[in-house]
Protein backbone atom coordinates (compact mmCIF):
# COMPACT_ATOMS: atom_id res chain seq x y z
CA MET A 1 -50.59 -25.32 -10.76
CA THR A 2 -50.51 -22.49 -13.27
CA ALA A 3 -47.40 -21.68 -15.35
CA ALA A 4 -47.05 -18.38 -13.57
CA ALA A 5 -47.17 -20.02 -10.17
CA GLY A 6 -44.56 -22.52 -11.34
CA LEU A 7 -42.22 -19.74 -12.39
CA LEU A 8 -42.71 -18.09 -8.97
CA LEU A 9 -41.82 -21.24 -7.19
CA ARG A 10 -38.74 -21.89 -9.21
CA ALA A 11 -37.47 -18.38 -9.04
CA PRO A 12 -36.06 -18.61 -5.45
CA ALA A 13 -34.37 -21.91 -6.29
CA ARG A 14 -32.72 -20.36 -9.40
CA ALA A 15 -31.62 -17.33 -7.35
CA SER A 16 -30.11 -19.61 -4.68
CA ALA A 17 -28.33 -21.57 -7.41
CA VAL A 18 -26.87 -18.38 -8.86
CA SER A 19 -25.74 -17.27 -5.36
CA ALA A 20 -24.10 -20.62 -4.83
CA CYS A 21 -22.27 -20.42 -8.13
CA ALA A 22 -21.07 -16.96 -7.30
CA ALA A 23 -19.93 -18.02 -3.92
CA ALA A 24 -18.13 -21.00 -5.44
CA SER A 25 -16.34 -18.81 -7.96
CA SER A 26 -14.97 -16.50 -5.29
CA SER A 27 -14.08 -19.18 -2.70
CA SER A 28 -10.92 -21.19 -2.34
CA SER A 29 -10.67 -24.90 -3.35
CA THR A 30 -7.98 -27.21 -2.11
CA LEU A 31 -6.03 -29.20 -4.70
CA VAL A 32 -5.24 -32.57 -3.15
CA ALA A 33 -2.45 -33.51 -5.50
CA GLY A 34 -0.24 -30.55 -4.82
CA SER A 35 -1.79 -29.44 -1.50
CA ARG A 36 -2.20 -26.00 -2.98
CA VAL A 37 -5.06 -23.56 -2.59
CA SER A 38 -6.23 -22.07 -5.88
CA THR A 39 -8.75 -19.14 -6.05
CA ARG A 40 -10.45 -18.11 -9.24
CA ALA A 41 -11.25 -14.61 -7.94
CA ALA A 42 -10.60 -12.52 -4.80
CA HIS A 43 -12.12 -9.53 -3.27
CA ASP A 44 -10.61 -7.58 -0.37
CA LEU A 45 -10.96 -4.29 1.48
CA VAL A 46 -8.11 -2.55 3.36
CA ILE A 47 -8.33 0.72 5.21
CA LYS A 48 -5.06 2.79 5.12
CA ARG A 49 -3.78 3.59 8.55
CA LYS A 50 -2.68 7.15 7.96
CA THR A 51 -5.57 8.53 5.83
CA GLY A 52 -8.44 6.06 6.53
CA LYS A 53 -9.02 5.65 2.76
CA PRO A 54 -10.28 2.29 1.58
CA ILE A 55 -8.28 0.16 -0.83
CA ILE A 56 -10.45 -2.33 -2.71
CA LYS A 57 -8.80 -5.28 -4.40
CA SER A 58 -10.60 -7.41 -6.93
CA GLY A 59 -10.05 -9.75 -9.82
CA PRO A 60 -7.93 -12.77 -10.28
CA TYR A 61 -6.04 -13.93 -7.13
CA GLY A 62 -2.32 -13.18 -7.33
CA GLY A 63 -2.54 -10.43 -9.95
CA GLY A 64 -2.20 -10.72 -13.72
CA ARG A 65 -4.49 -9.64 -16.54
CA SER A 66 -7.62 -7.71 -15.48
CA SER A 67 -6.69 -7.76 -11.85
CA VAL A 68 -7.09 -4.62 -9.70
CA SER A 69 -4.99 -4.19 -6.51
CA GLY A 70 -6.81 -1.00 -5.58
CA HIS A 71 -3.57 0.92 -5.16
CA VAL A 72 -2.46 3.92 -7.20
CA ALA A 73 1.37 4.28 -7.04
CA THR A 74 3.68 6.99 -8.35
CA VAL A 75 7.22 5.80 -9.06
CA PHE A 76 9.65 8.75 -9.38
CA GLY A 77 12.79 7.55 -11.02
CA CYS A 78 10.86 4.88 -13.00
CA THR A 79 13.08 5.21 -16.01
CA GLY A 80 16.18 4.17 -14.14
CA PHE A 81 17.84 0.84 -13.69
CA LEU A 82 15.78 -0.27 -10.63
CA GLY A 83 12.51 1.56 -11.50
CA ARG A 84 11.65 -0.62 -14.48
CA TYR A 85 11.61 -3.80 -12.29
CA LEU A 86 9.44 -2.11 -9.71
CA VAL A 87 6.95 -0.80 -12.23
CA ASN A 88 6.79 -4.31 -13.75
CA ARG A 89 5.99 -5.86 -10.35
CA LEU A 90 3.35 -3.23 -9.41
CA ALA A 91 1.61 -3.34 -12.81
CA GLN A 92 1.51 -7.11 -12.87
CA ARG A 93 -0.59 -7.18 -9.72
CA GLY A 94 -3.12 -4.69 -11.01
CA THR A 95 -1.74 -1.51 -9.45
CA GLN A 96 -2.26 1.67 -11.48
CA VAL A 97 1.27 3.11 -11.85
CA ILE A 98 2.02 6.80 -12.58
CA ILE A 99 5.36 7.00 -14.34
CA PRO A 100 6.91 10.53 -14.34
CA TYR A 101 9.43 10.95 -17.09
CA ARG A 102 11.74 13.56 -18.52
CA ASP A 103 12.52 12.14 -21.95
CA GLU A 104 9.78 10.79 -24.20
CA GLU A 105 11.98 7.92 -25.34
CA GLU A 106 12.94 6.74 -21.90
CA LYS A 107 9.36 5.71 -20.79
CA ARG A 108 8.20 3.92 -23.92
CA HIS A 109 9.14 0.44 -22.70
CA LEU A 110 7.22 0.89 -19.43
CA LYS A 111 3.81 1.37 -21.19
CA VAL A 112 3.52 -2.34 -21.96
CA LEU A 113 4.21 -3.59 -18.47
CA GLY A 114 0.64 -3.20 -17.36
CA ASP A 115 -2.95 -3.65 -18.58
CA LEU A 116 -4.62 -1.11 -20.72
CA GLY A 117 -4.71 2.23 -18.81
CA GLN A 118 -2.85 0.90 -15.80
CA VAL A 119 0.46 2.56 -16.70
CA VAL A 120 0.09 6.35 -16.96
CA PRO A 121 3.08 8.42 -18.18
CA MET A 122 3.29 12.08 -17.09
CA GLU A 123 5.94 14.62 -18.05
CA TRP A 124 7.80 15.76 -15.03
CA ASP A 125 10.66 18.07 -13.91
CA LEU A 126 12.21 17.67 -10.48
CA ARG A 127 12.19 21.47 -9.96
CA ASP A 128 8.61 21.94 -11.03
CA ASP A 129 6.38 21.61 -7.88
CA GLN A 130 3.13 21.85 -9.89
CA GLN A 131 4.14 18.82 -12.02
CA THR A 132 5.21 16.88 -8.95
CA GLU A 133 1.82 17.56 -7.30
CA GLU A 134 0.01 16.45 -10.49
CA CYS A 135 2.05 13.19 -10.59
CA LEU A 136 1.09 12.08 -6.99
CA ARG A 137 -2.19 13.76 -6.11
CA HIS A 138 -4.26 10.60 -6.88
CA SER A 139 -1.71 8.15 -5.38
CA ASP A 140 -1.90 6.35 -2.07
CA VAL A 141 1.81 5.30 -2.20
CA VAL A 142 4.75 7.24 -3.60
CA TYR A 143 8.22 5.69 -4.43
CA ASN A 144 11.18 7.94 -4.73
CA LEU A 145 13.90 6.18 -6.66
CA VAL A 146 15.47 9.33 -8.08
CA GLY A 147 19.24 9.41 -7.66
CA ARG A 148 22.47 9.67 -9.54
CA ASP A 149 26.08 8.55 -9.11
CA TYR A 150 27.76 11.50 -10.84
CA GLU A 151 27.19 15.22 -10.88
CA THR A 152 26.32 17.37 -13.86
CA LYS A 153 26.23 21.18 -14.41
CA ASN A 154 22.45 21.02 -13.98
CA PHE A 155 22.06 18.63 -11.03
CA LYS A 156 24.53 18.20 -8.13
CA PHE A 157 24.25 15.42 -5.61
CA ALA A 158 22.50 17.72 -3.06
CA ASP A 159 19.97 18.86 -5.71
CA VAL A 160 18.80 15.32 -6.29
CA HIS A 161 19.32 13.42 -3.08
CA VAL A 162 18.45 16.18 -0.57
CA LYS A 163 16.45 19.08 -2.01
CA GLY A 164 14.61 17.08 -4.60
CA ALA A 165 13.76 14.25 -2.23
CA GLU A 166 12.64 16.66 0.47
CA ARG A 167 10.43 18.58 -1.92
CA ILE A 168 8.70 15.39 -3.23
CA ALA A 169 8.12 14.24 0.37
CA GLN A 170 6.62 17.66 1.33
CA ILE A 171 4.27 17.65 -1.62
CA ALA A 172 3.20 14.12 -0.93
CA GLU A 173 2.44 14.94 2.69
CA ALA A 174 0.41 18.00 1.72
CA ALA A 175 -1.56 15.90 -0.88
CA GLY A 176 -2.53 13.35 1.76
CA VAL A 177 -0.51 10.44 0.35
CA SER A 178 -0.67 7.42 2.70
CA ARG A 179 2.85 5.99 2.13
CA PHE A 180 6.20 7.36 1.09
CA ILE A 181 9.00 4.91 0.34
CA HIS A 182 12.44 6.46 -0.25
CA LEU A 183 15.50 4.65 -1.67
CA SER A 184 18.78 5.53 -0.10
CA HIS A 185 22.08 3.66 -0.01
CA LEU A 186 23.72 1.08 2.17
CA ASN A 187 26.63 3.42 2.83
CA ALA A 188 24.71 6.56 3.65
CA ASP A 189 26.65 8.37 6.26
CA LEU A 190 26.80 11.98 7.38
CA ASP A 191 30.60 11.55 7.97
CA SER A 192 31.46 9.72 4.72
CA PRO A 193 34.33 11.18 2.65
CA SER A 194 32.04 10.62 -0.38
CA ALA A 195 29.71 13.37 -1.32
CA LEU A 196 27.24 10.81 -2.68
CA TYR A 197 27.00 8.99 0.57
CA ARG A 198 26.80 12.14 2.63
CA THR A 199 23.98 13.54 0.53
CA LYS A 200 22.12 10.17 0.74
CA ALA A 201 22.21 10.45 4.48
CA GLU A 202 21.10 14.06 4.48
CA GLY A 203 18.26 13.06 2.12
CA GLU A 204 17.08 10.49 4.67
CA ILE A 205 16.87 13.08 7.39
CA ALA A 206 15.06 15.55 5.08
CA VAL A 207 12.51 12.91 3.96
CA LYS A 208 11.79 11.80 7.55
CA ARG A 209 11.29 15.48 8.50
CA ALA A 210 8.98 16.23 5.54
CA PHE A 211 6.82 13.05 5.59
CA GLU A 212 5.67 11.48 8.82
CA GLY A 213 6.10 7.69 8.74
CA ALA A 214 8.29 7.57 5.64
CA THR A 215 10.01 4.26 4.93
CA ILE A 216 13.75 4.32 4.18
CA VAL A 217 15.38 1.58 2.07
CA ARG A 218 19.20 1.13 1.96
CA PRO A 219 20.20 -1.32 -0.78
CA GLY A 220 23.67 -2.49 -1.42
CA PRO A 221 25.31 -2.36 -4.97
CA VAL A 222 22.59 -3.68 -7.28
CA PHE A 223 23.30 -6.11 -10.10
CA GLY A 224 21.10 -7.00 -12.94
CA HIS A 225 20.66 -6.67 -16.68
CA GLU A 226 21.59 -3.00 -16.87
CA ASP A 227 23.90 -2.71 -13.90
CA ARG A 228 27.21 -0.86 -13.76
CA LEU A 229 28.85 -3.56 -11.63
CA LEU A 230 29.11 -6.90 -13.38
CA ASN A 231 28.60 -5.51 -16.85
CA SER A 232 31.41 -3.02 -16.45
CA MET A 233 33.74 -5.78 -15.41
CA ALA A 234 32.70 -8.10 -18.24
CA SER A 235 32.83 -5.51 -21.03
CA TRP A 236 36.51 -4.67 -20.54
CA PRO A 237 39.08 -7.41 -21.44
CA ILE A 238 41.83 -5.50 -19.76
CA THR A 239 41.73 -4.06 -16.27
CA TRP A 240 43.96 -2.73 -13.45
CA HIS A 241 43.73 -2.67 -9.75
CA VAL A 242 42.36 0.07 -7.48
CA ASN A 243 43.04 -0.45 -3.78
CA HIS A 244 44.61 -3.74 -4.80
CA GLY A 245 41.17 -5.14 -5.47
CA ARG A 246 40.54 -5.48 -1.77
CA THR A 247 37.46 -3.17 -1.55
CA THR A 248 34.53 -5.19 -0.22
CA LEU A 249 31.05 -5.12 -1.73
CA ARG A 250 27.74 -6.66 -0.81
CA PRO A 251 25.95 -6.99 -4.17
CA VAL A 252 22.19 -7.48 -4.14
CA HIS A 253 19.83 -8.73 -6.88
CA SER A 254 17.60 -6.21 -8.57
CA LEU A 255 14.63 -8.59 -8.54
CA ASP A 256 15.03 -8.93 -4.76
CA ILE A 257 15.00 -5.17 -4.17
CA SER A 258 11.98 -4.67 -6.41
CA LEU A 259 10.17 -7.45 -4.67
CA ALA A 260 10.93 -5.85 -1.26
CA LEU A 261 9.72 -2.46 -2.45
CA GLU A 262 6.47 -4.05 -3.68
CA LEU A 263 5.80 -5.91 -0.40
CA MET A 264 6.34 -2.69 1.67
CA MET A 265 3.32 -1.21 -0.04
CA ASP A 266 0.94 -3.45 1.83
CA ALA A 267 3.11 -4.25 4.88
CA GLU A 268 2.15 -1.17 6.78
CA GLU A 269 2.53 -2.73 10.24
CA THR A 270 6.14 -3.78 9.35
CA SER A 271 7.38 -0.90 7.30
CA ILE A 272 5.85 2.48 8.23
CA GLY A 273 8.44 4.71 9.77
CA GLN A 274 11.11 2.01 9.48
CA THR A 275 14.55 1.83 7.91
CA PHE A 276 15.54 -1.30 6.02
CA THR A 277 19.07 -2.42 5.25
CA LEU A 278 18.94 -4.62 2.21
CA ALA A 279 22.33 -5.68 1.22
CA GLY A 280 23.49 -8.96 -0.38
CA PRO A 281 23.81 -12.14 1.67
CA LYS A 282 27.54 -12.32 1.03
CA THR A 283 30.55 -9.98 1.10
CA HIS A 284 32.94 -10.09 -1.85
CA THR A 285 36.12 -8.22 -2.74
CA VAL A 286 36.39 -6.62 -6.18
CA SER A 287 39.02 -9.25 -7.12
CA GLU A 288 36.63 -12.07 -6.16
CA LEU A 289 33.91 -10.55 -8.39
CA LEU A 290 36.39 -10.26 -11.29
CA ASN A 291 37.17 -13.94 -10.87
CA LEU A 292 33.49 -14.82 -10.89
CA VAL A 293 32.91 -12.75 -14.02
CA GLN A 294 35.79 -14.39 -15.78
CA SER A 295 34.60 -17.91 -14.85
CA LEU A 296 31.08 -17.31 -16.02
CA THR A 297 31.83 -15.48 -19.29
CA LEU A 298 34.60 -17.88 -20.10
CA ASN A 299 36.61 -14.88 -21.32
CA LYS A 300 40.03 -14.15 -19.83
CA ILE A 301 40.34 -10.75 -18.16
CA VAL A 302 43.91 -9.54 -18.56
CA ARG A 303 45.02 -7.93 -15.35
CA LEU A 304 48.04 -5.75 -15.78
CA GLY A 305 49.16 -6.29 -12.21
CA LEU A 306 49.26 -2.52 -11.89
CA ASN A 307 47.77 -0.93 -8.85
CA ILE A 308 47.09 2.69 -9.57
CA PRO A 309 47.80 4.99 -6.62
CA LYS A 310 44.91 7.05 -5.38
CA PRO A 311 46.58 10.49 -6.11
CA VAL A 312 47.20 9.51 -9.69
CA LEU A 313 43.65 8.20 -10.18
CA MET A 314 42.18 11.29 -8.52
CA THR A 315 44.20 13.56 -10.90
CA ALA A 316 43.05 11.61 -13.93
CA SER A 317 39.47 11.73 -12.79
CA LYS A 318 39.51 15.50 -12.37
CA ILE A 319 40.77 15.83 -16.00
CA GLY A 320 38.03 13.38 -17.21
CA ASP A 321 35.44 15.31 -15.21
CA LEU A 322 35.79 18.19 -17.70
CA ALA A 323 34.23 16.06 -20.47
CA TRP A 324 30.61 16.53 -21.36
CA TRP A 325 29.91 12.74 -21.04
CA PRO A 326 30.05 10.82 -17.78
CA MET A 327 33.46 9.47 -17.00
CA LEU A 328 35.28 8.39 -13.84
CA SER A 329 34.52 11.19 -11.37
CA PRO A 330 36.59 12.19 -8.28
CA ASP A 331 33.84 11.01 -6.00
CA GLU A 332 33.73 7.66 -7.64
CA VAL A 333 37.48 7.25 -6.94
CA VAL A 334 36.75 7.94 -3.24
CA ARG A 335 33.97 5.31 -3.26
CA ARG A 336 36.20 2.74 -4.80
CA TYR A 337 38.30 2.77 -1.59
CA LEU A 338 35.29 2.47 0.78
CA ASN A 339 34.07 -0.92 1.95
CA ASP A 340 30.34 -1.62 2.10
CA LYS A 341 28.98 -1.18 5.70
CA ALA A 342 27.53 -3.94 7.84
CA ASP A 343 23.86 -3.93 8.73
CA GLU A 344 23.21 -1.08 11.12
CA VAL A 345 21.80 -1.97 14.53
CA GLY A 346 18.14 -1.08 14.86
CA THR A 347 17.25 -1.30 11.24
CA LYS A 348 15.16 -3.98 9.62
CA SER A 349 16.36 -6.62 7.14
CA TRP A 350 15.22 -9.16 4.51
CA ALA A 351 13.89 -11.43 7.32
CA ASP A 352 11.23 -8.87 8.24
CA LEU A 353 9.81 -9.06 4.73
CA GLY A 354 10.08 -12.88 4.49
CA ILE A 355 12.67 -12.76 1.63
CA VAL A 356 15.75 -14.86 1.17
CA PRO A 357 17.98 -12.73 -1.14
CA ASP A 358 19.84 -14.38 -4.00
CA GLU A 359 23.61 -14.90 -3.95
CA VAL A 360 25.40 -13.32 -6.88
CA GLU A 361 27.15 -16.64 -7.76
CA GLU A 362 23.89 -18.34 -8.26
CA VAL A 363 22.17 -15.88 -10.72
CA ALA A 364 24.99 -13.86 -12.37
CA ILE A 365 25.05 -16.19 -15.30
CA THR A 366 21.61 -14.91 -16.32
CA TYR A 367 23.21 -11.46 -17.00
CA LEU A 368 26.68 -12.52 -18.06
CA ARG A 369 25.98 -15.27 -20.56
CA ARG A 370 25.53 -12.77 -23.31
CA TYR A 371 29.30 -12.01 -23.08
CA ARG A 372 30.19 -15.56 -24.11
CA GLY A 373 31.30 -16.50 -27.59
CA HIS A 374 29.10 -18.64 -29.90
CA LEU A 375 31.08 -21.86 -29.10
CA THR A 376 30.65 -21.57 -25.36
CA PHE A 377 27.28 -19.84 -25.11
CA GLU A 378 25.23 -22.82 -23.99
CA LEU A 379 27.82 -24.51 -21.84
CA PRO A 380 26.48 -25.12 -18.31
CA VAL A 381 28.03 -23.55 -15.22
CA GLU A 382 29.65 -25.68 -12.60
CA ARG A 383 29.55 -24.47 -9.02
CA LYS A 384 31.46 -26.07 -6.18
CA THR A 385 29.31 -26.86 -3.13
CA LYS A 386 29.73 -28.88 0.10
CA MET A 387 28.20 -31.90 -1.76
CA GLY A 388 30.59 -31.55 -4.64
CA LYS A 389 30.04 -29.81 -8.04
CA LYS A 390 26.61 -28.94 -9.42
CA GLN A 391 25.54 -27.37 -12.71
CA ILE A 392 23.56 -24.29 -13.11
CA GLY A 393 21.92 -23.82 -16.43
CA TYR A 394 19.47 -21.17 -17.61
CA ARG A 395 17.31 -19.31 -15.13
CA THR A 396 14.04 -17.78 -16.17
CA VAL A 397 13.46 -14.39 -14.68
CA GLN A 398 9.85 -13.96 -13.61
């Protein structure tokens, strides 16, 4: 047999070996010890229902460095409290994220959340339709997290929650975007005495009218590292009562909301055209939350025992509203007397996404430990349960 013939005979065998190695590298292997399935690489193809465009996923299974989810997402409101957590989740799984920004300094921390070239900042003005179109024209999913809880001379509640949301939805529909996910509020109601809650409800109607199949998300009060709920309670050593501390809240974890928003991107059958009510698993009064903050920070919160009447607080807020920095506004006074609503019949919940939301008592120490003194900083937390007391130490936030 000649050398050339030998090479010809061995070539198919070599090719088959290469094919076998390639198949093995992309296939799943079962780990007996942990009964887990590990995959070195994955490759998937999804056809979007609305547009018929293909989404090709490749790279390491489960996301991470050099993974590609195939999605391009625009996150309006990415520089806000909740936006950074959503951008982090999307970028970690290999999604290319467009991050519209107004201030150059507010988007710097978002650049490092994804692989090289996967986080794309673009200057944006809510009233500039051309910039809005440029931010979303290459995306297959658009998140609208834009909102505010106080008015300014430049932007009123209606400008942001209704007109702005409707215009983004209209431009997204015209650009052929597959999905539009709009963040509203748990207490959105057309008949609410609060202008914020009324405009949130009006914004939902406007978005549904402008974008067919839009997904509406109604979260409760969100707590996390940069929240205005637990942090505002922990930062003031002296406080007073509003509504005798009886206003009820349903706080929800920021990581849970960002996870839900991420899952909705692929869960088309579950989420297209649906409204999700995503409040916390438990209802707490303001007094109960103050007690929780005091027990976790180990700092005594002095309560003056003074309940400020609503007319007095409203007058003070109108005076403070004249300042050029945000203070207690008249609409916030109204909201402090409104209880969080129960889940609306006909809307979807955490269970439809397969998520069990965190209870504020279990994870609040992650965000409140920094308010402790140096002598008590590392002390564990004791929590009473049906089985007795258990200690809660540090929790690593993924």
